[in-house]
Amino acid sequence: MTAVNARGSGFLNNMAGRCIGMATLDNDAKTVESHGRCVYADASGDQIFEKYDYAVQAQGTGSRGTAEWTGGTGKFAGISGDVELTNTRLSSMTDGIIQVSGTKTGHYSFNSPTSSLQ
């Protein structure tokens, strides 16, 4: 995946990411629940770690969840924050793979006073 932000520069823009998670589908109740983790890396290799959760909700084309940034490396060391996720499900070319397009809205801060974003 590629993360971009609304400004087109700065934090979380043009960062490559990969997520691994698990979804529980209840086809009788037509619900889905999902939990997992992501890692994003910028061009210099500095990383941000994310934990995400989608509570039980109706199956469909969209979903809402929450995430938190749990840490990072390099210039992202000491990062923490809370994020709201809104996704639209895309068609997948491979069974068992879920693809989405969405937005992240939230806040972040750094625990270490020496950390800064450039």
PDB file of N, CA and C in Angstrom:
ATOM      1  N   MET A   1       0.839  -1.162   0.000  1.00  0.00           N
ATOM      2  CA  MET A   1       0.000   0.000   0.000  1.00  0.00           C
ATOM      3  C   MET A   1       0.884   1.225   0.000  1.00  0.00           C
ATOM      4  N   THR A   2       0.330   2.328  -0.380  1.00  0.00           N
ATOM      5  CA  THR A   2       1.019   3.606  -0.295  1.00  0.00           C
ATOM      6  C   THR A   2       0.146   4.562   0.492  1.00  0.00           C
ATOM      7  N   ALA A   3       0.703   5.174   1.521  1.00  0.00           N
ATOM      8  CA  ALA A   3      -0.020   6.167   2.313  1.00  0.00           C
ATOM      9  C   ALA A   3       0.299   7.551   1.766  1.00  0.00           C
ATOM     10  N   VAL A   4      -0.712   8.372   1.646  1.00  0.00           N
ATOM     11  CA  VAL A   4      -0.543   9.776   1.259  1.00  0.00           C
ATOM     12  C   VAL A   4      -1.396  10.611   2.211  1.00  0.00           C
ATOM     13  N   ASN A   5      -1.065  11.897   2.337  1.00  0.00           N
ATOM     14  CA  ASN A   5      -1.902  12.752   3.170  1.00  0.00           C
ATOM     15  C   ASN A   5      -2.537  13.846   2.327  1.00  0.00           C
ATOM     16  N   ALA A   6      -3.490  14.562   2.901  1.00  0.00           N
ATOM     17  CA  ALA A   6      -4.253  15.567   2.155  1.00  0.00           C
ATOM     18  C   ALA A   6      -3.383  16.721   1.674  1.00  0.00           C
ATOM     19  N   ARG A   7      -2.310  17.042   2.400  1.00  0.00           N
ATOM     20  CA  ARG A   7      -1.421  18.130   1.980  1.00  0.00           C
ATOM     21  C   ARG A   7      -0.502  17.724   0.845  1.00  0.00           C
ATOM     22  N   GLY A   8      -0.236  16.426   0.728  1.00  0.00           N
ATOM     23  CA  GLY A   8       0.686  15.963  -0.309  1.00  0.00           C
ATOM     24  C   GLY A   8       2.141  16.060   0.086  1.00  0.00           C
ATOM     25  N   SER A   9       2.411  16.288   1.369  1.00  0.00           N
ATOM     26  CA  SER A   9       3.793  16.332   1.860  1.00  0.00           C
ATOM     27  C   SER A   9       3.787  16.123   3.367  1.00  0.00           C
ATOM     28  N   GLY A  10       4.958  15.831   3.917  1.00  0.00           N
ATOM     29  CA  GLY A  10       5.081  15.702   5.367  1.00  0.00           C
ATOM     30  C   GLY A  10       4.651  14.352   5.904  1.00  0.00           C
ATOM     31  N   PHE A  11       4.106  14.381   7.106  1.00  0.00           N
ATOM     32  CA  PHE A  11       3.796  13.181   7.873  1.00  0.00           C
ATOM     33  C   PHE A  11       2.908  12.208   7.109  1.00  0.00           C
ATOM     34  N   LEU A  12       3.335  10.960   7.063  1.00  0.00           N
ATOM     35  CA  LEU A  12       2.614   9.830   6.466  1.00  0.00           C
ATOM     36  C   LEU A  12       2.350   9.994   4.971  1.00  0.00           C
ATOM     37  N   ASN A  13       3.102  10.849   4.292  1.00  0.00           N
ATOM     38  CA  ASN A  13       2.918  11.018   2.851  1.00  0.00           C
ATOM     39  C   ASN A  13       3.961  10.209   2.089  1.00  0.00           C
ATOM     40  N   ASN A  14       3.509   9.503   1.067  1.00  0.00           N
ATOM     41  CA  ASN A  14       4.371   8.663   0.229  1.00  0.00           C
ATOM     42  C   ASN A  14       5.165   7.649   1.041  1.00  0.00           C
ATOM     43  N   MET A  15       4.498   7.038   2.018  1.00  0.00           N
ATOM     44  CA  MET A  15       5.117   5.979   2.809  1.00  0.00           C
ATOM     45  C   MET A  15       4.552   4.641   2.352  1.00  0.00           C
ATOM     46  N   ALA A  16       5.427   3.675   2.193  1.00  0.00           N
ATOM     47  CA  ALA A  16       4.998   2.323   1.838  1.00  0.00           C
ATOM     48  C   ALA A  16       4.536   1.625   3.106  1.00  0.00           C
ATOM     49  N   GLY A  17       3.493   0.803   2.994  1.00  0.00           N
ATOM     50  CA  GLY A  17       2.981   0.112   4.163  1.00  0.00           C
ATOM     51  C   GLY A  17       2.545  -1.302   3.859  1.00  0.00           C
ATOM     52  N   ARG A  18       2.511  -2.098   4.927  1.00  0.00           N
ATOM     53  CA  ARG A  18       2.044  -3.472   4.809  1.00  0.00           C
ATOM     54  C   ARG A  18       1.287  -3.821   6.082  1.00  0.00           C
ATOM     55  N   CYS A  19       0.130  -4.450   5.919  1.00  0.00           N
ATOM     56  CA  CYS A  19      -0.692  -4.833   7.062  1.00  0.00           C
ATOM     57  C   CYS A  19      -0.916  -6.336   7.062  1.00  0.00           C
ATOM     58  N   ILE A  20      -0.923  -6.889   8.254  1.00  0.00           N
ATOM     59  CA  ILE A  20      -1.266  -8.295   8.436  1.00  0.00           C
ATOM     60  C   ILE A  20      -2.339  -8.335   9.511  1.00  0.00           C
ATOM     61  N   GLY A  21      -3.445  -8.998   9.201  1.00  0.00           N
ATOM     62  CA  GLY A  21      -4.536  -9.037  10.158  1.00  0.00           C
ATOM     63  C   GLY A  21      -5.387 -10.272   9.985  1.00  0.00           C
ATOM     64  N   MET A  22      -6.448 -10.294  10.753  1.00  0.00           N
ATOM     65  CA  MET A  22      -7.362 -11.420  10.715  1.00  0.00           C
ATOM     66  C   MET A  22      -8.781 -10.874  10.740  1.00  0.00           C
ATOM     67  N   ALA A  23      -9.618 -11.384   9.878  1.00  0.00           N
ATOM     68  CA  ALA A  23     -11.021 -10.981   9.839  1.00  0.00           C
ATOM     69  C   ALA A  23     -11.899 -12.182  10.157  1.00  0.00           C
ATOM     70  N   THR A  24     -12.957 -11.934  10.898  1.00  0.00           N
ATOM     71  CA  THR A  24     -13.955 -12.959  11.182  1.00  0.00           C
ATOM     72  C   THR A  24     -15.239 -12.570  10.467  1.00  0.00           C
ATOM     73  N   LEU A  25     -15.653 -13.408   9.536  1.00  0.00           N
ATOM     74  CA  LEU A  25     -16.887 -13.189   8.780  1.00  0.00           C
ATOM     75  C   LEU A  25     -17.964 -14.120   9.314  1.00  0.00           C
ATOM     76  N   ASP A  26     -19.109 -13.569   9.649  1.00  0.00           N
ATOM     77  CA  ASP A  26     -20.267 -14.367  10.034  1.00  0.00           C
ATOM     78  C   ASP A  26     -21.301 -14.176   8.928  1.00  0.00           C
ATOM     79  N   ASN A  27     -21.318 -15.110   7.994  1.00  0.00           N
ATOM     80  CA  ASN A  27     -22.203 -14.973   6.837  1.00  0.00           C
ATOM     81  C   ASN A  27     -23.678 -15.132   7.200  1.00  0.00           C
ATOM     82  N   ASP A  28     -23.970 -15.854   8.293  1.00  0.00           N
ATOM     83  CA  ASP A  28     -25.365 -15.965   8.729  1.00  0.00           C
ATOM     84  C   ASP A  28     -25.872 -14.619   9.250  1.00  0.00           C
ATOM     85  N   ALA A  29     -25.058 -13.967  10.078  1.00  0.00           N
ATOM     86  CA  ALA A  29     -25.443 -12.667  10.647  1.00  0.00           C
ATOM     87  C   ALA A  29     -25.077 -11.506   9.724  1.00  0.00           C
ATOM     88  N   LYS A  30     -24.309 -11.800   8.673  1.00  0.00           N
ATOM     89  CA  LYS A  30     -23.841 -10.769   7.722  1.00  0.00           C
ATOM     90  C   LYS A  30     -23.003  -9.692   8.425  1.00  0.00           C
ATOM     91  N   THR A  31     -22.076 -10.162   9.308  1.00  0.00           N
ATOM     92  CA  THR A  31     -21.194  -9.234  10.019  1.00  0.00           C
ATOM     93  C   THR A  31     -19.735  -9.584   9.756  1.00  0.00           C
ATOM     94  N   VAL A  32     -18.873  -8.624  10.060  1.00  0.00           N
ATOM     95  CA  VAL A  32     -17.433  -8.801   9.923  1.00  0.00           C
ATOM     96  C   VAL A  32     -16.749  -8.097  11.090  1.00  0.00           C
ATOM     97  N   GLU A  33     -15.617  -8.633  11.501  1.00  0.00           N
ATOM     98  CA  GLU A  33     -14.780  -8.046  12.547  1.00  0.00           C
ATOM     99  C   GLU A  33     -13.339  -8.263  12.118  1.00  0.00           C
ATOM    100  N   SER A  34     -12.468  -7.287  12.353  1.00  0.00           N
ATOM    101  CA  SER A  34     -11.086  -7.407  11.888  1.00  0.00           C
ATOM    102  C   SER A  34     -10.128  -6.732  12.866  1.00  0.00           C
ATOM    103  N   HIS A  35      -8.946  -7.351  13.022  1.00  0.00           N
ATOM    104  CA  HIS A  35      -7.896  -6.820  13.893  1.00  0.00           C
ATOM    105  C   HIS A  35      -6.547  -7.117  13.250  1.00  0.00           C
ATOM    106  N   GLY A  36      -5.578  -6.232  13.432  1.00  0.00           N
ATOM    107  CA  GLY A  36      -4.261  -6.496  12.874  1.00  0.00           C
ATOM    108  C   GLY A  36      -3.262  -5.399  13.162  1.00  0.00           C
ATOM    109  N   ARG A  37      -2.150  -5.486  12.470  1.00  0.00           N
ATOM    110  CA  ARG A  37      -1.045  -4.539  12.641  1.00  0.00           C
ATOM    111  C   ARG A  37      -0.490  -4.153  11.275  1.00  0.00           C
ATOM    112  N   CYS A  38       0.020  -2.915  11.213  1.00  0.00           N
ATOM    113  CA  CYS A  38       0.628  -2.398   9.988  1.00  0.00           C
ATOM    114  C   CYS A  38       1.984  -1.795  10.318  1.00  0.00           C
ATOM    115  N   VAL A  39       2.837  -1.749   9.328  1.00  0.00           N
ATOM    116  CA  VAL A  39       4.100  -1.017   9.441  1.00  0.00           C
ATOM    117  C   VAL A  39       4.241  -0.178   8.177  1.00  0.00           C
ATOM    118  N   TYR A  40       4.613   1.080   8.358  1.00  0.00           N
ATOM    119  CA  TYR A  40       4.831   2.017   7.254  1.00  0.00           C
ATOM    120  C   TYR A  40       6.291   2.431   7.277  1.00  0.00           C
ATOM    121  N   ALA A  41       6.892   2.609   6.112  1.00  0.00           N
ATOM    122  CA  ALA A  41       8.288   3.048   6.022  1.00  0.00           C
ATOM    123  C   ALA A  41       8.392   4.202   5.037  1.00  0.00           C
ATOM    124  N   ASP A  42       9.196   5.207   5.409  1.00  0.00           N
ATOM    125  CA  ASP A  42       9.426   6.316   4.480  1.00  0.00           C
ATOM    126  C   ASP A  42      10.644   6.014   3.614  1.00  0.00           C
ATOM    127  N   ALA A  43      11.004   6.934   2.746  1.00  0.00           N
ATOM    128  CA  ALA A  43      12.097   6.714   1.792  1.00  0.00           C
ATOM    129  C   ALA A  43      13.435   6.473   2.479  1.00  0.00           C
ATOM    130  N   SER A  44      13.618   6.993   3.695  1.00  0.00           N
ATOM    131  CA  SER A  44      14.885   6.784   4.407  1.00  0.00           C
ATOM    132  C   SER A  44      14.870   5.518   5.255  1.00  0.00           C
ATOM    133  N   GLY A  45      13.740   4.789   5.269  1.00  0.00           N
ATOM    134  CA  GLY A  45      13.657   3.529   6.005  1.00  0.00           C
ATOM    135  C   GLY A  45      13.121   3.664   7.420  1.00  0.00           C
ATOM    136  N   ASP A  46      12.815   4.890   7.873  1.00  0.00           N
ATOM    137  CA  ASP A  46      12.227   5.064   9.198  1.00  0.00           C
ATOM    138  C   ASP A  46      10.796   4.533   9.169  1.00  0.00           C
ATOM    139  N   GLN A  47      10.382   3.882  10.277  1.00  0.00           N
ATOM    140  CA  GLN A  47       9.112   3.163  10.287  1.00  0.00           C
ATOM    141  C   GLN A  47       8.150   3.674  11.352  1.00  0.00           C
ATOM    142  N   ILE A  48       6.845   3.482  11.083  1.00  0.00           N
ATOM    143  CA  ILE A  48       5.769   3.732  12.042  1.00  0.00           C
ATOM    144  C   ILE A  48       4.999   2.423  12.199  1.00  0.00           C
ATOM    145  N   PHE A  49       4.677   2.060  13.450  1.00  0.00           N
ATOM    146  CA  PHE A  49       3.942   0.837  13.745  1.00  0.00           C
ATOM    147  C   PHE A  49       2.512   1.190  14.153  1.00  0.00           C
ATOM    148  N   GLU A  50       1.554   0.437  13.610  1.00  0.00           N
ATOM    149  CA  GLU A  50       0.135   0.718  13.839  1.00  0.00           C
ATOM    150  C   GLU A  50      -0.596  -0.557  14.221  1.00  0.00           C
ATOM    151  N   LYS A  51      -1.513  -0.451  15.175  1.00  0.00           N
ATOM    152  CA  LYS A  51      -2.422  -1.533  15.558  1.00  0.00           C
ATOM    153  C   LYS A  51      -3.827  -1.066  15.206  1.00  0.00           C
ATOM    154  N   TYR A  52      -4.605  -1.905  14.488  1.00  0.00           N
ATOM    155  CA  TYR A  52      -5.957  -1.494  14.093  1.00  0.00           C
ATOM    156  C   TYR A  52      -7.009  -2.491  14.552  1.00  0.00           C
ATOM    157  N   ASP A  53      -8.223  -1.981  14.737  1.00  0.00           N
ATOM    158  CA  ASP A  53      -9.358  -2.793  15.161  1.00  0.00           C
ATOM    159  C   ASP A  53     -10.620  -2.304  14.459  1.00  0.00           C
ATOM    160  N   TYR A  54     -11.351  -3.244  13.896  1.00  0.00           N
ATOM    161  CA  TYR A  54     -12.684  -2.987  13.358  1.00  0.00           C
ATOM    162  C   TYR A  54     -13.633  -3.850  14.173  1.00  0.00           C
ATOM    163  N   ALA A  55     -14.455  -3.217  15.010  1.00  0.00           N
ATOM    164  CA  ALA A  55     -15.425  -3.952  15.821  1.00  0.00           C
ATOM    165  C   ALA A  55     -16.435  -4.640  14.906  1.00  0.00           C
ATOM    166  N   VAL A  56     -17.205  -5.558  15.471  1.00  0.00           N
ATOM    167  CA  VAL A  56     -18.231  -6.262  14.699  1.00  0.00           C
ATOM    168  C   VAL A  56     -19.163  -5.238  14.056  1.00  0.00           C
ATOM    169  N   GLN A  57     -19.352  -5.359  12.743  1.00  0.00           N
ATOM    170  CA  GLN A  57     -20.221  -4.450  11.993  1.00  0.00           C
ATOM    171  C   GLN A  57     -20.779  -5.177  10.784  1.00  0.00           C
ATOM    172  N   ALA A  58     -21.790  -4.587  10.176  1.00  0.00           N
ATOM    173  CA  ALA A  58     -22.438  -5.205   9.020  1.00  0.00           C
ATOM    174  C   ALA A  58     -21.453  -5.348   7.865  1.00  0.00           C
ATOM    175  N   GLN A  59     -21.532  -6.496   7.182  1.00  0.00           N
ATOM    176  CA  GLN A  59     -20.746  -6.671   5.964  1.00  0.00           C
ATOM    177  C   GLN A  59     -21.289  -5.722   4.905  1.00  0.00           C
ATOM    178  N   GLY A  60     -20.417  -5.237   4.066  1.00  0.00           N
ATOM    179  CA  GLY A  60     -20.849  -4.337   3.009  1.00  0.00           C
ATOM    180  C   GLY A  60     -19.653  -3.766   2.294  1.00  0.00           C
ATOM    181  N   THR A  61     -19.853  -2.639   1.674  1.00  0.00           N
ATOM    182  CA  THR A  61     -18.775  -2.038   0.889  1.00  0.00           C
ATOM    183  C   THR A  61     -17.900  -1.107   1.703  1.00  0.00           C
ATOM    184  N   GLY A  62     -18.329  -0.714   2.905  1.00  0.00           N
ATOM    185  CA  GLY A  62     -17.536   0.202   3.716  1.00  0.00           C
ATOM    186  C   GLY A  62     -17.418  -0.277   5.143  1.00  0.00           C
ATOM    187  N   SER A  63     -16.428   0.268   5.860  1.00  0.00           N
ATOM    188  CA  SER A  63     -16.246  -0.092   7.259  1.00  0.00           C
ATOM    189  C   SER A  63     -15.591   1.063   8.009  1.00  0.00           C
ATOM    190  N   ARG A  64     -15.799   1.059   9.331  1.00  0.00           N
ATOM    191  CA  ARG A  64     -15.197   2.061  10.199  1.00  0.00           C
ATOM    192  C   ARG A  64     -14.470   1.339  11.324  1.00  0.00           C
ATOM    193  N   GLY A  65     -13.294   1.868  11.669  1.00  0.00           N
ATOM    194  CA  GLY A  65     -12.518   1.262  12.726  1.00  0.00           C
ATOM    195  C   GLY A  65     -11.671   2.290  13.447  1.00  0.00           C
ATOM    196  N   THR A  66     -10.837   1.787  14.335  1.00  0.00           N
ATOM    197  CA  THR A  66      -9.909   2.642  15.063  1.00  0.00           C
ATOM    198  C   THR A  66      -8.517   2.043  14.967  1.00  0.00           C
ATOM    199  N   ALA A  67      -7.532   2.894  15.165  1.00  0.00           N
ATOM    200  CA  ALA A  67      -6.147   2.425  15.159  1.00  0.00           C
ATOM    201  C   ALA A  67      -5.356   3.258  16.149  1.00  0.00           C
ATOM    202  N   GLU A  68      -4.191   2.755  16.491  1.00  0.00           N
ATOM    203  CA  GLU A  68      -3.267   3.541  17.302  1.00  0.00           C
ATOM    204  C   GLU A  68      -1.860   3.339  16.781  1.00  0.00           C
ATOM    205  N   TRP A  69      -1.096   4.410  16.778  1.00  0.00           N
ATOM    206  CA  TRP A  69       0.318   4.311  16.455  1.00  0.00           C
ATOM    207  C   TRP A  69       1.025   3.930  17.737  1.00  0.00           C
ATOM    208  N   THR A  70       1.749   2.823  17.684  1.00  0.00           N
ATOM    209  CA  THR A  70       2.330   2.241  18.894  1.00  0.00           C
ATOM    210  C   THR A  70       3.832   2.445  19.011  1.00  0.00           C
ATOM    211  N   GLY A  71       4.453   3.071  18.032  1.00  0.00           N
ATOM    212  CA  GLY A  71       5.894   3.314  18.091  1.00  0.00           C
ATOM    213  C   GLY A  71       6.466   3.469  16.708  1.00  0.00           C
ATOM    214  N   GLY A  72       7.775   3.623  16.672  1.00  0.00           N
ATOM    215  CA  GLY A  72       8.438   3.798  15.397  1.00  0.00           C
ATOM    216  C   GLY A  72       9.942   3.747  15.551  1.00  0.00           C
ATOM    217  N   THR A  73      10.633   3.937  14.441  1.00  0.00           N
ATOM    218  CA  THR A  73      12.094   3.954  14.431  1.00  0.00           C
ATOM    219  C   THR A  73      12.567   5.278  13.835  1.00  0.00           C
ATOM    220  N   GLY A  74      13.847   5.597  14.056  1.00  0.00           N
ATOM    221  CA  GLY A  74      14.419   6.811  13.478  1.00  0.00           C
ATOM    222  C   GLY A  74      13.653   8.043  13.906  1.00  0.00           C
ATOM    223  N   LYS A  75      13.295   8.891  12.952  1.00  0.00           N
ATOM    224  CA  LYS A  75      12.589  10.136  13.272  1.00  0.00           C
ATOM    225  C   LYS A  75      11.199   9.893  13.850  1.00  0.00           C
ATOM    226  N   PHE A  76      10.678   8.660  13.738  1.00  0.00           N
ATOM    227  CA  PHE A  76       9.366   8.331  14.291  1.00  0.00           C
ATOM    228  C   PHE A  76       9.452   7.645  15.658  1.00  0.00           C
ATOM    229  N   ALA A  77      10.648   7.514  16.230  1.00  0.00           N
ATOM    230  CA  ALA A  77      10.808   6.888  17.547  1.00  0.00           C
ATOM    231  C   ALA A  77       9.982   7.655  18.577  1.00  0.00           C
ATOM    232  N   GLY A  78       9.250   6.935  19.406  1.00  0.00           N
ATOM    233  CA  GLY A  78       8.452   7.552  20.457  1.00  0.00           C
ATOM    234  C   GLY A  78       7.088   8.051  20.019  1.00  0.00           C
ATOM    235  N   ILE A  79       6.693   7.769  18.776  1.00  0.00           N
ATOM    236  CA  ILE A  79       5.388   8.247  18.301  1.00  0.00           C
ATOM    237  C   ILE A  79       4.258   7.460  18.959  1.00  0.00           C
ATOM    238  N   SER A  80       3.165   8.158  19.227  1.00  0.00           N
ATOM    239  CA  SER A  80       1.934   7.516  19.686  1.00  0.00           C
ATOM    240  C   SER A  80       0.775   8.355  19.166  1.00  0.00           C
ATOM    241  N   GLY A  81      -0.381   7.755  19.081  1.00  0.00           N
ATOM    242  CA  GLY A  81      -1.538   8.505  18.610  1.00  0.00           C
ATOM    243  C   GLY A  81      -2.734   7.618  18.372  1.00  0.00           C
ATOM    244  N   ASP A  82      -3.877   8.267  18.229  1.00  0.00           N
ATOM    245  CA  ASP A  82      -5.142   7.588  17.975  1.00  0.00           C
ATOM    246  C   ASP A  82      -5.680   8.007  16.619  1.00  0.00           C
ATOM    247  N   VAL A  83      -6.283   7.048  15.923  1.00  0.00           N
ATOM    248  CA  VAL A  83      -6.721   7.275  14.551  1.00  0.00           C
ATOM    249  C   VAL A  83      -8.115   6.683  14.354  1.00  0.00           C
ATOM    250  N   GLU A  84      -8.960   7.385  13.612  1.00  0.00           N
ATOM    251  CA  GLU A  84     -10.233   6.840  13.143  1.00  0.00           C
ATOM    252  C   GLU A  84     -10.051   6.428  11.693  1.00  0.00           C
ATOM    253  N   LEU A  85     -10.548   5.250  11.346  1.00  0.00           N
ATOM    254  CA  LEU A  85     -10.398   4.700   9.999  1.00  0.00           C
ATOM    255  C   LEU A  85     -11.757   4.620   9.317  1.00  0.00           C
ATOM    256  N   THR A  86     -11.811   5.033   8.067  1.00  0.00           N
ATOM    257  CA  THR A  86     -13.003   4.885   7.235  1.00  0.00           C
ATOM    258  C   THR A  86     -12.547   4.295   5.909  1.00  0.00           C
ATOM    259  N   ASN A  87     -13.074   3.123   5.561  1.00  0.00           N
ATOM    260  CA  ASN A  87     -12.614   2.413   4.368  1.00  0.00           C
ATOM    261  C   ASN A  87     -13.762   2.036   3.443  1.00  0.00           C
ATOM    262  N   THR A  88     -13.423   1.949   2.170  1.00  0.00           N
ATOM    263  CA  THR A  88     -14.301   1.397   1.150  1.00  0.00           C
ATOM    264  C   THR A  88     -13.611   0.162   0.594  1.00  0.00           C
ATOM    265  N   ARG A  89     -14.324  -0.933   0.561  1.00  0.00           N
ATOM    266  CA  ARG A  89     -13.739  -2.183   0.074  1.00  0.00           C
ATOM    267  C   ARG A  89     -13.642  -2.170  -1.445  1.00  0.00           C
ATOM    268  N   LEU A  90     -12.509  -2.634  -1.953  1.00  0.00           N
ATOM    269  CA  LEU A  90     -12.269  -2.732  -3.392  1.00  0.00           C
ATOM    270  C   LEU A  90     -12.348  -4.188  -3.820  1.00  0.00           C
ATOM    271  N   SER A  91     -12.552  -4.428  -5.087  1.00  0.00           N
ATOM    272  CA  SER A  91     -12.529  -5.796  -5.607  1.00  0.00           C
ATOM    273  C   SER A  91     -11.114  -6.338  -5.516  1.00  0.00           C
ATOM    274  N   SER A  92     -10.991  -7.608  -5.158  1.00  0.00           N
ATOM    275  CA  SER A  92      -9.685  -8.244  -5.040  1.00  0.00           C
ATOM    276  C   SER A  92      -9.498  -9.249  -6.168  1.00  0.00           C
ATOM    277  N   MET A  93      -8.289  -9.324  -6.667  1.00  0.00           N
ATOM    278  CA  MET A  93      -7.988 -10.278  -7.733  1.00  0.00           C
ATOM    279  C   MET A  93      -7.579 -11.636  -7.174  1.00  0.00           C
ATOM    280  N   THR A  94      -7.401 -11.720  -5.840  1.00  0.00           N
ATOM    281  CA  THR A  94      -6.938 -12.948  -5.213  1.00  0.00           C
ATOM    282  C   THR A  94      -7.856 -13.318  -4.059  1.00  0.00           C
ATOM    283  N   ASP A  95      -8.331 -14.569  -4.015  1.00  0.00           N
ATOM    284  CA  ASP A  95      -9.153 -15.027  -2.900  1.00  0.00           C
ATOM    285  C   ASP A  95      -8.368 -14.908  -1.599  1.00  0.00           C
ATOM    286  N   GLY A  96      -9.044 -14.496  -0.535  1.00  0.00           N
ATOM    287  CA  GLY A  96      -8.417 -14.402   0.776  1.00  0.00           C
ATOM    288  C   GLY A  96      -7.681 -13.098   1.021  1.00  0.00           C
ATOM    289  N   ILE A  97      -7.617 -12.235   0.026  1.00  0.00           N
ATOM    290  CA  ILE A  97      -6.954 -10.938   0.164  1.00  0.00           C
ATOM    291  C   ILE A  97      -8.029  -9.855   0.158  1.00  0.00           C
ATOM    292  N   ILE A  98      -7.983  -8.968   1.144  1.00  0.00           N
ATOM    293  CA  ILE A  98      -8.919  -7.854   1.206  1.00  0.00           C
ATOM    294  C   ILE A  98      -8.177  -6.582   0.856  1.00  0.00           C
ATOM    295  N   GLN A  99      -8.744  -5.806  -0.053  1.00  0.00           N
ATOM    296  CA  GLN A  99      -8.160  -4.527  -0.437  1.00  0.00           C
ATOM    297  C   GLN A  99      -9.157  -3.425  -0.131  1.00  0.00           C
ATOM    298  N   VAL A 100      -8.648  -2.325   0.435  1.00  0.00           N
ATOM    299  CA  VAL A 100      -9.505  -1.192   0.760  1.00  0.00           C
ATOM    300  C   VAL A 100      -8.822   0.110   0.376  1.00  0.00           C
ATOM    301  N   SER A 101      -9.623   1.135   0.235  1.00  0.00           N
ATOM    302  CA  SER A 101      -9.139   2.499   0.068  1.00  0.00           C
ATOM    303  C   SER A 101      -9.842   3.312   1.135  1.00  0.00           C
ATOM    304  N   GLY A 102      -9.105   4.167   1.840  1.00  0.00           N
ATOM    305  CA  GLY A 102      -9.767   4.881   2.913  1.00  0.00           C
ATOM    306  C   GLY A 102      -8.997   6.065   3.444  1.00  0.00           C
ATOM    307  N   THR A 103      -9.501   6.575   4.550  1.00  0.00           N
ATOM    308  CA  THR A 103      -8.879   7.724   5.195  1.00  0.00           C
ATOM    309  C   THR A 103      -8.558   7.413   6.648  1.00  0.00           C
ATOM    310  N   LYS A 104      -7.546   8.109   7.149  1.00  0.00           N
ATOM    311  CA  LYS A 104      -7.164   8.069   8.559  1.00  0.00           C
ATOM    312  C   LYS A 104      -7.272   9.497   9.068  1.00  0.00           C
ATOM    313  N   THR A 105      -7.968   9.675  10.186  1.00  0.00           N
ATOM    314  CA  THR A 105      -8.083  10.985  10.807  1.00  0.00           C
ATOM    315  C   THR A 105      -7.714  10.829  12.273  1.00  0.00           C
ATOM    316  N   GLY A 106      -6.776  11.632  12.747  1.00  0.00           N
ATOM    317  CA  GLY A 106      -6.395  11.488  14.140  1.00  0.00           C
ATOM    318  C   GLY A 106      -5.311  12.446  14.565  1.00  0.00           C
ATOM    319  N   HIS A 107      -4.669  12.091  15.666  1.00  0.00           N
ATOM    320  CA  HIS A 107      -3.632  12.917  16.273  1.00  0.00           C
ATOM    321  C   HIS A 107      -2.426  12.058  16.620  1.00  0.00           C
ATOM    322  N   TYR A 108      -1.261  12.680  16.648  1.00  0.00           N
ATOM    323  CA  TYR A 108      -0.053  11.978  17.077  1.00  0.00           C
ATOM    324  C   TYR A 108       0.800  12.908  17.919  1.00  0.00           C
ATOM    325  N   SER A 109       1.648  12.286  18.739  1.00  0.00           N
ATOM    326  CA  SER A 109       2.608  13.036  19.543  1.00  0.00           C
ATOM    327  C   SER A 109       3.834  12.158  19.733  1.00  0.00           C
ATOM    328  N   PHE A 110       4.866  12.758  20.294  1.00  0.00           N
ATOM    329  CA  PHE A 110       6.104  12.035  20.543  1.00  0.00           C
ATOM    330  C   PHE A 110       6.404  12.038  22.029  1.00  0.00           C
ATOM    331  N   ASN A 111       6.770  10.857  22.559  1.00  0.00           N
ATOM    332  CA  ASN A 111       7.140  10.729  23.964  1.00  0.00           C
ATOM    333  C   ASN A 111       8.528  11.267  24.221  1.00  0.00           C
ATOM    334  N   SER A 112       9.376  11.264  23.208  1.00  0.00           N
ATOM    335  CA  SER A 112      10.757  11.704  23.348  1.00  0.00           C
ATOM    336  C   SER A 112      10.881  13.151  22.878  1.00  0.00           C
ATOM    337  N   PRO A 113      11.380  14.066  23.723  1.00  0.00           N
ATOM    338  CA  PRO A 113      11.497  15.465  23.307  1.00  0.00           C
ATOM    339  C   PRO A 113      12.528  15.685  22.208  1.00  0.00           C
ATOM    340  N   THR A 114      13.357  14.676  21.915  1.00  0.00           N
ATOM    341  CA  THR A 114      14.366  14.840  20.873  1.00  0.00           C
ATOM    342  C   THR A 114      13.855  14.416  19.505  1.00  0.00           C
ATOM    343  N   SER A 115      12.655  13.815  19.441  1.00  0.00           N
ATOM    344  CA  SER A 115      12.102  13.370  18.163  1.00  0.00           C
ATOM    345  C   SER A 115      11.460  14.538  17.431  1.00  0.00           C
ATOM    346  N   SER A 116      11.630  14.562  16.114  1.00  0.00           N
ATOM    347  CA  SER A 116      10.971  15.587  15.312  1.00  0.00           C
ATOM    348  C   SER A 116      10.723  15.060  13.911  1.00  0.00           C
ATOM    349  N   LEU A 117       9.699  15.579  13.285  1.00  0.00           N
ATOM    350  CA  LEU A 117       9.399  15.221  11.897  1.00  0.00           C
ATOM    351  C   LEU A 117       9.889  16.324  10.991  1.00  0.00           C
ATOM    352  N   GLN A 118      10.478  15.936   9.869  1.00  0.00           N
ATOM    353  CA  GLN A 118      10.958  16.924   8.904  1.00  0.00           C
ATOM    354  C   GLN A 118      10.364  16.650   7.556  1.00  0.00           C
TER     355      GLN A 118
END
